[in-house]
Amino acid sequence: MPLGTWFKAGTSAAALVLAMAGAATAAPAPAPAPASESSAAQAAAVTLRYDDSRAGGWEAAIAAGVASWNANVSNVHLVEAAPGAVAEIVIVATTGWPQATLGPVRPGRQVRVELGSQAVDQGYDKTRIAAHELGHSLGLPDTKPGPCSQLMSGSSAGTACTNATPNATERSRVQSAYASGIAALVPTDGRILIDAP
């Protein structure tokens, strides 16, 4: 047999052997996990409970502030604690200036939010106050002075400001603080931030 024929025959045989070997050893691709398993594999949001049973007159503002945070971040979720249950965020109504413990609060730990009527008496928006103080519990310090678009600018934005929605930077900081449940590893600052002008 001429050399060219041997070469063609050898090349064809080698290609056939390689193709068959690949087919024999190739494993089928794993089926994608059902959506519920995929979600479970991802880090679950950190759930923090709040107790507003001693925040009479602030319930609607607290609910709106909680809804704002829950709609804007996904790594942490605020839920109202069942009556008598221990909560990570204890919210009380006071007659002074609003103030809160600087977090990020960890599951099983506790911070305090005081929603002071003195700010309301001076014309500040209740929902903005509640959302701002919850922001402290989630680890955000004040950014004073600041524009109304910054939730954490607090009273420095003036009494006409009613924005209760965290901006992109504020959302990002909270997302980072609670990424993959990492809040459980980050100590709470413990400082009390008083939001008087």
N, C-alpha and C. Protein backbone atom coordinates (compact mmCIF):
# COMPACT_ATOMS: atom_id res chain seq x y z
N MET A 1 0.85 -1.15 0.00
CA MET A 1 0.00 0.00 0.00
C MET A 1 0.91 1.22 0.00
N PRO A 2 0.59 2.22 -0.85
CA PRO A 2 1.44 3.40 -0.89
C PRO A 2 1.36 4.15 0.45
N LEU A 3 2.40 4.92 0.74
CA LEU A 3 2.51 5.67 1.99
C LEU A 3 1.33 6.62 2.19
N GLY A 4 0.88 7.29 1.13
CA GLY A 4 -0.26 8.22 1.21
C GLY A 4 -1.52 7.52 1.68
N THR A 5 -1.74 6.28 1.20
CA THR A 5 -2.93 5.52 1.59
C THR A 5 -2.83 5.15 3.07
N TRP A 6 -1.62 4.70 3.51
CA TRP A 6 -1.41 4.39 4.92
C TRP A 6 -1.68 5.62 5.80
N PHE A 7 -1.21 6.73 5.35
CA PHE A 7 -1.36 7.96 6.12
C PHE A 7 -2.85 8.32 6.27
N LYS A 8 -3.59 8.24 5.13
CA LYS A 8 -5.02 8.55 5.18
C LYS A 8 -5.75 7.55 6.06
N ALA A 9 -5.44 6.30 5.94
CA ALA A 9 -6.11 5.26 6.73
C ALA A 9 -5.79 5.43 8.21
N GLY A 10 -4.53 5.74 8.53
CA GLY A 10 -4.12 5.94 9.93
C GLY A 10 -4.81 7.15 10.55
N THR A 11 -4.89 8.22 9.78
CA THR A 11 -5.53 9.44 10.28
C THR A 11 -7.00 9.19 10.53
N SER A 12 -7.67 8.52 9.60
CA SER A 12 -9.09 8.22 9.76
C SER A 12 -9.32 7.32 10.97
N ALA A 13 -8.48 6.32 11.14
CA ALA A 13 -8.63 5.40 12.27
C ALA A 13 -8.41 6.13 13.60
N ALA A 14 -7.40 7.01 13.63
CA ALA A 14 -7.13 7.76 14.87
C ALA A 14 -8.30 8.67 15.21
N ALA A 15 -8.86 9.32 14.19
CA ALA A 15 -9.99 10.20 14.42
C ALA A 15 -11.18 9.42 14.96
N LEU A 16 -11.41 8.21 14.39
CA LEU A 16 -12.50 7.37 14.83
C LEU A 16 -12.31 6.93 16.28
N VAL A 17 -11.09 6.53 16.63
CA VAL A 17 -10.81 6.09 18.00
C VAL A 17 -11.02 7.24 18.98
N LEU A 18 -10.53 8.43 18.63
CA LEU A 18 -10.69 9.59 19.51
C LEU A 18 -12.17 9.97 19.67
N ALA A 19 -12.92 9.93 18.60
CA ALA A 19 -14.33 10.27 18.66
C ALA A 19 -15.08 9.29 19.55
N MET A 20 -14.76 7.99 19.39
CA MET A 20 -15.43 6.97 20.19
C MET A 20 -15.03 7.09 21.66
N ALA A 21 -13.77 7.38 21.91
CA ALA A 21 -13.31 7.50 23.30
C ALA A 21 -14.01 8.68 23.97
N GLY A 22 -14.12 9.79 23.24
CA GLY A 22 -14.79 10.97 23.80
C GLY A 22 -16.24 10.67 24.10
N ALA A 23 -16.90 9.92 23.21
CA ALA A 23 -18.32 9.60 23.41
C ALA A 23 -18.48 8.66 24.59
N ALA A 24 -17.51 7.74 24.76
CA ALA A 24 -17.62 6.76 25.84
C ALA A 24 -17.38 7.40 27.20
N THR A 25 -16.49 8.40 27.27
CA THR A 25 -16.15 8.97 28.58
C THR A 25 -16.91 10.25 28.90
N ALA A 26 -17.56 10.82 27.93
CA ALA A 26 -18.27 12.07 28.19
C ALA A 26 -19.49 11.80 29.05
N ALA A 27 -19.61 12.52 30.13
CA ALA A 27 -20.77 12.37 31.00
C ALA A 27 -21.83 13.38 30.56
N PRO A 28 -23.06 13.01 30.68
CA PRO A 28 -24.09 13.98 30.31
C PRO A 28 -24.02 15.18 31.26
N ALA A 29 -24.36 16.34 30.74
CA ALA A 29 -24.35 17.55 31.57
C ALA A 29 -25.39 17.41 32.67
N PRO A 30 -25.03 17.85 33.91
CA PRO A 30 -26.01 17.71 34.97
C PRO A 30 -27.23 18.60 34.69
N ALA A 31 -28.37 18.10 35.07
CA ALA A 31 -29.61 18.87 34.87
C ALA A 31 -29.56 20.08 35.80
N PRO A 32 -30.06 21.21 35.33
CA PRO A 32 -30.06 22.38 36.21
C PRO A 32 -30.93 22.12 37.44
N ALA A 33 -30.49 22.69 38.57
CA ALA A 33 -31.23 22.51 39.81
C ALA A 33 -32.56 23.24 39.72
N PRO A 34 -33.59 22.69 40.33
CA PRO A 34 -34.86 23.40 40.35
C PRO A 34 -34.67 24.77 41.00
N ALA A 35 -35.54 25.69 40.66
CA ALA A 35 -35.41 27.07 41.16
C ALA A 35 -35.34 27.12 42.67
N SER A 36 -36.11 26.28 43.37
CA SER A 36 -36.11 26.32 44.83
C SER A 36 -34.76 25.91 45.39
N GLU A 37 -34.09 24.92 44.76
CA GLU A 37 -32.77 24.50 45.22
C GLU A 37 -31.74 25.58 44.92
N SER A 38 -31.86 26.24 43.77
CA SER A 38 -30.92 27.30 43.42
C SER A 38 -31.03 28.42 44.44
N SER A 39 -32.24 28.80 44.80
CA SER A 39 -32.41 29.88 45.77
C SER A 39 -31.87 29.47 47.13
N ALA A 40 -32.11 28.21 47.51
CA ALA A 40 -31.65 27.76 48.81
C ALA A 40 -30.13 27.74 48.85
N ALA A 41 -29.50 27.47 47.72
CA ALA A 41 -28.05 27.43 47.68
C ALA A 41 -27.46 28.82 47.84
N GLN A 42 -28.19 29.82 47.39
CA GLN A 42 -27.70 31.18 47.55
C GLN A 42 -27.86 31.56 49.01
N ALA A 43 -27.06 32.54 49.42
CA ALA A 43 -27.14 32.99 50.81
C ALA A 43 -28.51 33.58 51.09
N ALA A 44 -29.11 33.13 52.16
CA ALA A 44 -30.42 33.64 52.54
C ALA A 44 -30.26 35.02 53.17
N ALA A 45 -31.29 35.82 53.03
CA ALA A 45 -31.26 37.15 53.64
C ALA A 45 -31.25 37.01 55.15
N VAL A 46 -30.56 37.92 55.81
CA VAL A 46 -30.57 37.98 57.27
C VAL A 46 -31.91 38.58 57.68
N THR A 47 -32.63 37.88 58.54
CA THR A 47 -33.91 38.38 59.02
C THR A 47 -33.72 39.02 60.39
N LEU A 48 -34.17 40.26 60.50
CA LEU A 48 -34.12 40.98 61.78
C LEU A 48 -35.54 41.31 62.20
N ARG A 49 -35.84 41.04 63.45
CA ARG A 49 -37.17 41.34 63.98
C ARG A 49 -37.15 42.68 64.70
N TYR A 50 -38.25 43.41 64.56
CA TYR A 50 -38.37 44.68 65.29
C TYR A 50 -39.61 44.64 66.17
N ASP A 51 -39.51 45.31 67.32
CA ASP A 51 -40.62 45.39 68.26
C ASP A 51 -41.00 46.86 68.39
N ASP A 52 -42.18 47.22 67.91
CA ASP A 52 -42.65 48.60 68.01
C ASP A 52 -43.82 48.73 68.99
N SER A 53 -43.92 47.78 69.92
CA SER A 53 -45.05 47.77 70.86
C SER A 53 -45.02 48.96 71.81
N ARG A 54 -43.87 49.64 71.92
CA ARG A 54 -43.78 50.82 72.79
C ARG A 54 -43.56 52.09 71.96
N ALA A 55 -44.02 52.05 70.72
CA ALA A 55 -43.85 53.20 69.82
C ALA A 55 -45.20 53.74 69.38
N GLY A 56 -46.12 53.87 70.34
CA GLY A 56 -47.46 54.35 70.05
C GLY A 56 -47.46 55.66 69.28
N GLY A 57 -48.28 55.70 68.23
CA GLY A 57 -48.37 56.88 67.38
C GLY A 57 -47.41 56.87 66.21
N TRP A 58 -46.48 55.94 66.19
CA TRP A 58 -45.48 55.85 65.12
C TRP A 58 -45.69 54.63 64.22
N GLU A 59 -46.72 53.84 64.47
CA GLU A 59 -46.88 52.57 63.76
C GLU A 59 -46.87 52.72 62.24
N ALA A 60 -47.62 53.68 61.71
CA ALA A 60 -47.68 53.85 60.25
C ALA A 60 -46.33 54.28 59.69
N ALA A 61 -45.63 55.16 60.40
CA ALA A 61 -44.31 55.62 59.95
C ALA A 61 -43.29 54.48 59.99
N ILE A 62 -43.37 53.67 61.04
CA ILE A 62 -42.46 52.52 61.14
C ILE A 62 -42.74 51.53 60.01
N ALA A 63 -44.01 51.22 59.78
CA ALA A 63 -44.37 50.29 58.70
C ALA A 63 -43.86 50.80 57.36
N ALA A 64 -44.00 52.09 57.11
CA ALA A 64 -43.53 52.67 55.84
C ALA A 64 -42.00 52.65 55.76
N GLY A 65 -41.32 52.94 56.87
CA GLY A 65 -39.86 52.89 56.89
C GLY A 65 -39.33 51.48 56.66
N VAL A 66 -39.97 50.51 57.31
CA VAL A 66 -39.60 49.09 57.12
C VAL A 66 -39.83 48.69 55.67
N ALA A 67 -40.97 49.07 55.11
CA ALA A 67 -41.28 48.73 53.72
C ALA A 67 -40.25 49.33 52.77
N SER A 68 -39.80 50.54 53.06
CA SER A 68 -38.78 51.17 52.22
C SER A 68 -37.49 50.37 52.22
N TRP A 69 -37.03 49.98 53.40
CA TRP A 69 -35.79 49.19 53.47
C TRP A 69 -35.98 47.82 52.81
N ASN A 70 -37.09 47.16 53.08
CA ASN A 70 -37.32 45.83 52.49
C ASN A 70 -37.42 45.89 50.97
N ALA A 71 -37.91 47.00 50.43
CA ALA A 71 -38.03 47.13 48.98
C ALA A 71 -36.71 47.49 48.32
N ASN A 72 -35.74 47.97 49.09
CA ASN A 72 -34.51 48.49 48.51
C ASN A 72 -33.25 47.68 48.79
N VAL A 73 -33.33 46.71 49.70
CA VAL A 73 -32.18 45.83 49.96
C VAL A 73 -32.67 44.39 50.00
N SER A 74 -31.81 43.47 49.62
CA SER A 74 -32.23 42.07 49.60
C SER A 74 -31.43 41.18 50.55
N ASN A 75 -30.32 41.66 51.10
CA ASN A 75 -29.51 40.83 52.00
C ASN A 75 -29.99 40.85 53.44
N VAL A 76 -30.92 41.75 53.74
CA VAL A 76 -31.49 41.81 55.09
C VAL A 76 -32.99 42.08 54.92
N HIS A 77 -33.77 41.49 55.81
CA HIS A 77 -35.23 41.64 55.74
C HIS A 77 -35.74 41.94 57.15
N LEU A 78 -36.50 43.01 57.29
CA LEU A 78 -37.07 43.40 58.57
C LEU A 78 -38.49 42.86 58.70
N VAL A 79 -38.77 42.24 59.83
CA VAL A 79 -40.10 41.70 60.08
C VAL A 79 -40.53 42.08 61.49
N GLU A 80 -41.83 42.27 61.67
CA GLU A 80 -42.33 42.60 63.00
C GLU A 80 -42.27 41.36 63.88
N ALA A 81 -41.74 41.54 65.09
CA ALA A 81 -41.64 40.42 66.02
C ALA A 81 -43.02 40.05 66.54
N ALA A 82 -43.22 38.78 66.77
CA ALA A 82 -44.47 38.31 67.37
C ALA A 82 -44.55 38.86 68.80
N PRO A 83 -45.75 39.10 69.30
CA PRO A 83 -45.89 39.61 70.67
C PRO A 83 -45.14 38.72 71.66
N GLY A 84 -44.33 39.34 72.50
CA GLY A 84 -43.56 38.62 73.51
C GLY A 84 -42.25 38.03 73.02
N ALA A 85 -42.02 38.05 71.70
CA ALA A 85 -40.77 37.49 71.16
C ALA A 85 -39.64 38.51 71.31
N VAL A 86 -38.44 38.01 71.39
CA VAL A 86 -37.27 38.88 71.46
C VAL A 86 -37.01 39.45 70.07
N ALA A 87 -36.71 40.75 70.03
CA ALA A 87 -36.46 41.42 68.75
C ALA A 87 -35.06 42.00 68.75
N GLU A 88 -34.46 42.07 67.55
CA GLU A 88 -33.14 42.67 67.41
C GLU A 88 -33.21 44.20 67.46
N ILE A 89 -34.33 44.77 66.99
CA ILE A 89 -34.49 46.22 66.97
C ILE A 89 -35.70 46.57 67.84
N VAL A 90 -35.42 47.24 68.95
CA VAL A 90 -36.48 47.67 69.86
C VAL A 90 -36.75 49.14 69.57
N ILE A 91 -37.99 49.45 69.22
CA ILE A 91 -38.36 50.81 68.83
C ILE A 91 -39.31 51.38 69.88
N VAL A 92 -38.96 52.56 70.40
CA VAL A 92 -39.80 53.19 71.42
C VAL A 92 -40.06 54.65 71.03
N ALA A 93 -41.19 55.16 71.47
CA ALA A 93 -41.51 56.58 71.27
C ALA A 93 -41.02 57.35 72.49
N THR A 94 -40.41 58.50 72.23
CA THR A 94 -39.92 59.35 73.33
C THR A 94 -40.34 60.80 73.06
N THR A 95 -40.06 61.65 74.01
CA THR A 95 -40.36 63.07 73.84
C THR A 95 -39.13 63.86 73.38
N GLY A 96 -37.97 63.24 73.33
CA GLY A 96 -36.74 63.94 72.94
C GLY A 96 -36.49 63.90 71.45
N TRP A 97 -35.20 63.99 71.08
CA TRP A 97 -34.79 63.90 69.68
C TRP A 97 -34.63 62.43 69.30
N PRO A 98 -34.91 62.10 68.05
CA PRO A 98 -34.70 60.71 67.60
C PRO A 98 -33.24 60.32 67.80
N GLN A 99 -33.04 59.06 68.13
CA GLN A 99 -31.69 58.52 68.27
C GLN A 99 -31.73 57.01 68.13
N ALA A 100 -30.57 56.44 67.82
CA ALA A 100 -30.51 54.99 67.62
C ALA A 100 -29.09 54.49 67.87
N THR A 101 -29.01 53.20 68.19
CA THR A 101 -27.73 52.53 68.31
C THR A 101 -27.21 52.24 66.91
N LEU A 102 -25.93 52.53 66.69
CA LEU A 102 -25.34 52.26 65.38
C LEU A 102 -25.00 50.78 65.26
N GLY A 103 -25.53 50.14 64.22
CA GLY A 103 -25.28 48.73 63.94
C GLY A 103 -24.10 48.57 63.00
N PRO A 104 -24.05 47.53 62.22
CA PRO A 104 -25.19 46.66 61.89
C PRO A 104 -25.52 45.68 63.02
N VAL A 105 -26.79 45.63 63.37
CA VAL A 105 -27.23 44.72 64.41
C VAL A 105 -27.12 43.30 63.88
N ARG A 106 -26.71 42.40 64.76
CA ARG A 106 -26.57 40.99 64.40
C ARG A 106 -27.78 40.21 64.88
N PRO A 107 -28.16 39.16 64.17
CA PRO A 107 -29.25 38.31 64.66
C PRO A 107 -28.92 37.82 66.07
N GLY A 108 -29.90 37.92 66.95
CA GLY A 108 -29.70 37.49 68.33
C GLY A 108 -29.15 38.60 69.22
N ARG A 109 -28.73 39.72 68.65
CA ARG A 109 -28.26 40.87 69.43
C ARG A 109 -29.37 41.90 69.45
N GLN A 110 -29.13 43.06 70.07
CA GLN A 110 -30.22 44.02 70.16
C GLN A 110 -29.70 45.46 70.10
N VAL A 111 -30.44 46.28 69.37
CA VAL A 111 -30.20 47.72 69.32
C VAL A 111 -31.51 48.42 69.65
N ARG A 112 -31.39 49.70 69.95
CA ARG A 112 -32.56 50.49 70.35
C ARG A 112 -32.72 51.68 69.42
N VAL A 113 -33.96 51.94 69.03
CA VAL A 113 -34.32 53.10 68.23
C VAL A 113 -35.32 53.91 69.04
N GLU A 114 -35.02 55.20 69.21
CA GLU A 114 -35.94 56.09 69.90
C GLU A 114 -36.48 57.09 68.89
N LEU A 115 -37.78 57.08 68.70
CA LEU A 115 -38.42 58.00 67.76
C LEU A 115 -38.97 59.17 68.57
N GLY A 116 -38.23 60.26 68.54
CA GLY A 116 -38.53 61.40 69.39
C GLY A 116 -39.51 62.38 68.78
N SER A 117 -40.49 62.76 69.60
CA SER A 117 -41.53 63.69 69.13
C SER A 117 -41.00 65.11 68.97
N GLN A 118 -39.85 65.43 69.56
CA GLN A 118 -39.31 66.78 69.44
C GLN A 118 -39.03 67.12 67.97
N ALA A 119 -38.57 66.16 67.21
CA ALA A 119 -38.31 66.38 65.78
C ALA A 119 -39.62 66.62 65.03
N VAL A 120 -40.65 65.85 65.38
CA VAL A 120 -41.95 66.01 64.72
C VAL A 120 -42.54 67.38 65.07
N ASP A 121 -42.40 67.77 66.33
CA ASP A 121 -42.89 69.08 66.76
C ASP A 121 -42.22 70.21 65.98
N GLN A 122 -41.00 69.98 65.52
CA GLN A 122 -40.28 71.01 64.76
C GLN A 122 -40.52 70.89 63.26
N GLY A 123 -41.35 69.92 62.86
CA GLY A 123 -41.76 69.84 61.46
C GLY A 123 -41.12 68.76 60.62
N TYR A 124 -40.33 67.87 61.22
CA TYR A 124 -39.70 66.79 60.45
C TYR A 124 -40.69 65.66 60.19
N ASP A 125 -40.54 64.99 59.05
CA ASP A 125 -41.44 63.94 58.59
C ASP A 125 -41.24 62.64 59.36
N LYS A 126 -42.33 62.09 59.89
CA LYS A 126 -42.25 60.89 60.71
C LYS A 126 -41.69 59.68 59.95
N THR A 127 -42.13 59.49 58.73
CA THR A 127 -41.66 58.32 57.97
C THR A 127 -40.16 58.43 57.68
N ARG A 128 -39.72 59.63 57.31
CA ARG A 128 -38.28 59.82 57.08
C ARG A 128 -37.49 59.57 58.36
N ILE A 129 -38.02 60.03 59.49
CA ILE A 129 -37.34 59.79 60.78
C ILE A 129 -37.22 58.29 61.03
N ALA A 130 -38.33 57.56 60.88
CA ALA A 130 -38.31 56.12 61.15
C ALA A 130 -37.33 55.40 60.22
N ALA A 131 -37.38 55.69 58.94
CA ALA A 131 -36.48 55.03 57.98
C ALA A 131 -35.02 55.39 58.28
N HIS A 132 -34.77 56.65 58.64
CA HIS A 132 -33.41 57.10 58.96
C HIS A 132 -32.88 56.35 60.18
N GLU A 133 -33.67 56.27 61.24
CA GLU A 133 -33.22 55.59 62.47
C GLU A 133 -33.01 54.10 62.23
N LEU A 134 -33.87 53.49 61.41
CA LEU A 134 -33.65 52.08 61.05
C LEU A 134 -32.34 51.93 60.29
N GLY A 135 -32.00 52.93 59.47
CA GLY A 135 -30.72 52.91 58.76
C GLY A 135 -29.54 52.85 59.71
N HIS A 136 -29.62 53.55 60.85
CA HIS A 136 -28.56 53.45 61.86
C HIS A 136 -28.45 52.01 62.37
N SER A 137 -29.60 51.37 62.65
CA SER A 137 -29.59 49.99 63.14
C SER A 137 -28.94 49.05 62.14
N LEU A 138 -29.05 49.38 60.85
CA LEU A 138 -28.47 48.55 59.79
C LEU A 138 -27.02 48.91 59.50
N GLY A 139 -26.46 49.85 60.27
CA GLY A 139 -25.03 50.14 60.17
C GLY A 139 -24.65 51.44 59.51
N LEU A 140 -25.62 52.29 59.19
CA LEU A 140 -25.30 53.54 58.49
C LEU A 140 -25.16 54.71 59.46
N PRO A 141 -24.04 55.42 59.41
CA PRO A 141 -23.90 56.63 60.23
C PRO A 141 -24.59 57.81 59.55
N ASP A 142 -24.64 58.92 60.25
CA ASP A 142 -25.17 60.14 59.66
C ASP A 142 -24.24 60.64 58.56
N THR A 143 -24.80 61.31 57.57
CA THR A 143 -24.02 61.96 56.52
C THR A 143 -24.41 63.44 56.49
N LYS A 144 -24.16 64.12 57.60
CA LYS A 144 -24.55 65.52 57.75
C LYS A 144 -23.35 66.42 57.49
N PRO A 145 -23.55 67.55 56.84
CA PRO A 145 -24.78 67.93 56.16
C PRO A 145 -24.92 67.16 54.87
N GLY A 146 -26.13 67.06 54.39
CA GLY A 146 -26.36 66.33 53.16
C GLY A 146 -27.67 66.71 52.53
N PRO A 147 -27.85 66.34 51.27
CA PRO A 147 -29.09 66.67 50.56
C PRO A 147 -30.24 65.75 50.95
N CYS A 148 -31.43 66.11 50.58
CA CYS A 148 -32.63 65.32 50.86
C CYS A 148 -32.54 63.94 50.22
N SER A 149 -31.81 63.80 49.12
CA SER A 149 -31.70 62.51 48.44
C SER A 149 -30.93 61.48 49.27
N GLN A 150 -30.20 61.93 50.28
CA GLN A 150 -29.50 61.01 51.19
C GLN A 150 -30.37 60.81 52.43
N LEU A 151 -30.89 59.63 52.60
CA LEU A 151 -31.71 59.34 53.77
C LEU A 151 -30.94 59.62 55.05
N MET A 152 -29.66 59.31 55.06
CA MET A 152 -28.88 59.45 56.28
C MET A 152 -28.40 60.87 56.53
N SER A 153 -28.82 61.83 55.69
CA SER A 153 -28.52 63.23 55.97
C SER A 153 -29.41 63.74 57.10
N GLY A 154 -30.47 63.01 57.39
CA GLY A 154 -31.32 63.32 58.52
C GLY A 154 -31.84 64.73 58.54
N SER A 155 -31.74 65.36 59.71
CA SER A 155 -32.31 66.69 59.91
C SER A 155 -31.60 67.77 59.09
N SER A 156 -30.38 67.52 58.63
CA SER A 156 -29.67 68.55 57.86
C SER A 156 -30.33 68.83 56.51
N ALA A 157 -31.21 67.94 56.06
CA ALA A 157 -31.91 68.17 54.79
C ALA A 157 -33.09 69.12 54.94
N GLY A 158 -33.44 69.44 56.17
CA GLY A 158 -34.53 70.40 56.40
C GLY A 158 -35.88 69.75 56.59
N THR A 159 -36.81 70.51 57.11
CA THR A 159 -38.15 69.99 57.42
C THR A 159 -38.99 69.72 56.18
N ALA A 160 -38.65 70.34 55.04
CA ALA A 160 -39.43 70.10 53.82
C ALA A 160 -39.11 68.73 53.21
N CYS A 161 -38.02 68.11 53.61
CA CYS A 161 -37.60 66.82 53.04
C CYS A 161 -38.43 65.69 53.63
N THR A 162 -39.05 64.91 52.74
CA THR A 162 -39.84 63.75 53.17
C THR A 162 -39.31 62.45 52.58
N ASN A 163 -38.14 62.48 51.96
CA ASN A 163 -37.56 61.29 51.34
C ASN A 163 -37.27 60.23 52.40
N ALA A 164 -37.85 59.06 52.26
CA ALA A 164 -37.63 57.95 53.19
C ALA A 164 -37.00 56.76 52.47
N THR A 165 -36.37 57.02 51.32
CA THR A 165 -35.78 55.95 50.52
C THR A 165 -34.26 56.07 50.52
N PRO A 166 -33.55 55.00 50.88
CA PRO A 166 -32.08 55.07 50.84
C PRO A 166 -31.59 55.23 49.40
N ASN A 167 -30.51 56.01 49.23
CA ASN A 167 -29.96 56.18 47.88
C ASN A 167 -29.06 54.98 47.54
N ALA A 168 -28.47 54.98 46.36
CA ALA A 168 -27.68 53.83 45.89
C ALA A 168 -26.51 53.52 46.81
N THR A 169 -25.83 54.55 47.30
CA THR A 169 -24.68 54.33 48.19
C THR A 169 -25.13 53.72 49.51
N GLU A 170 -26.22 54.22 50.06
CA GLU A 170 -26.74 53.70 51.32
C GLU A 170 -27.20 52.25 51.16
N ARG A 171 -27.88 51.98 50.06
CA ARG A 171 -28.32 50.60 49.79
C ARG A 171 -27.11 49.67 49.68
N SER A 172 -26.10 50.11 48.97
CA SER A 172 -24.90 49.30 48.76
C SER A 172 -24.19 48.98 50.07
N ARG A 173 -24.12 49.97 50.96
CA ARG A 173 -23.44 49.75 52.24
C ARG A 173 -24.19 48.73 53.09
N VAL A 174 -25.53 48.80 53.09
CA VAL A 174 -26.32 47.84 53.86
C VAL A 174 -26.20 46.45 53.22
N GLN A 175 -26.27 46.39 51.90
CA GLN A 175 -26.12 45.11 51.20
C GLN A 175 -24.78 44.46 51.58
N SER A 176 -23.71 45.26 51.60
CA SER A 176 -22.39 44.74 51.96
C SER A 176 -22.34 44.27 53.40
N ALA A 177 -22.97 45.03 54.29
CA ALA A 177 -22.94 44.69 55.72
C ALA A 177 -23.62 43.36 56.00
N TYR A 178 -24.60 43.00 55.16
CA TYR A 178 -25.34 41.77 55.38
C TYR A 178 -25.11 40.72 54.29
N ALA A 179 -24.07 40.91 53.48
CA ALA A 179 -23.78 39.95 52.41
C ALA A 179 -23.46 38.59 53.00
N SER A 180 -24.09 37.56 52.47
CA SER A 180 -23.86 36.17 52.89
C SER A 180 -23.97 35.99 54.40
N GLY A 181 -24.84 36.76 55.01
CA GLY A 181 -25.02 36.64 56.45
C GLY A 181 -23.86 37.17 57.25
N ILE A 182 -22.97 37.94 56.62
CA ILE A 182 -21.75 38.41 57.28
C ILE A 182 -22.04 39.29 58.49
N ALA A 183 -23.24 39.82 58.59
CA ALA A 183 -23.56 40.67 59.74
C ALA A 183 -23.36 39.91 61.04
N ALA A 184 -23.49 38.59 60.99
CA ALA A 184 -23.29 37.80 62.19
C ALA A 184 -21.85 37.87 62.67
N LEU A 185 -20.92 38.26 61.80
CA LEU A 185 -19.52 38.31 62.17
C LEU A 185 -19.03 39.72 62.46
N VAL A 186 -19.83 40.73 62.13
CA VAL A 186 -19.42 42.12 62.30
C VAL A 186 -19.98 42.64 63.60
N PRO A 187 -19.13 43.11 64.52
CA PRO A 187 -19.67 43.60 65.79
C PRO A 187 -20.47 44.88 65.61
N THR A 188 -21.52 45.03 66.41
CA THR A 188 -22.30 46.25 66.42
C THR A 188 -21.44 47.35 67.02
N ASP A 189 -21.48 48.52 66.42
CA ASP A 189 -20.68 49.65 66.90
C ASP A 189 -21.06 50.01 68.34
N GLY A 190 -22.36 50.08 68.61
CA GLY A 190 -22.81 50.37 69.95
C GLY A 190 -22.95 51.84 70.28
N ARG A 191 -22.44 52.74 69.42
CA ARG A 191 -22.59 54.17 69.68
C ARG A 191 -24.05 54.57 69.52
N ILE A 192 -24.48 55.53 70.31
CA ILE A 192 -25.81 56.09 70.19
C ILE A 192 -25.69 57.36 69.33
N LEU A 193 -26.45 57.42 68.26
CA LEU A 193 -26.43 58.58 67.38
C LEU A 193 -27.70 59.39 67.63
N ILE A 194 -27.53 60.62 68.07
CA ILE A 194 -28.67 61.51 68.33
C ILE A 194 -28.82 62.43 67.12
N ASP A 195 -30.02 62.49 66.58
CA ASP A 195 -30.24 63.19 65.32
C ASP A 195 -30.79 64.60 65.48
N ALA A 196 -30.35 65.30 66.49
CA ALA A 196 -30.75 66.71 66.62
C ALA A 196 -29.98 67.54 65.60
N PRO A 197 -30.59 68.63 65.11
CA PRO A 197 -29.87 69.46 64.13
C PRO A 197 -28.66 70.15 64.74
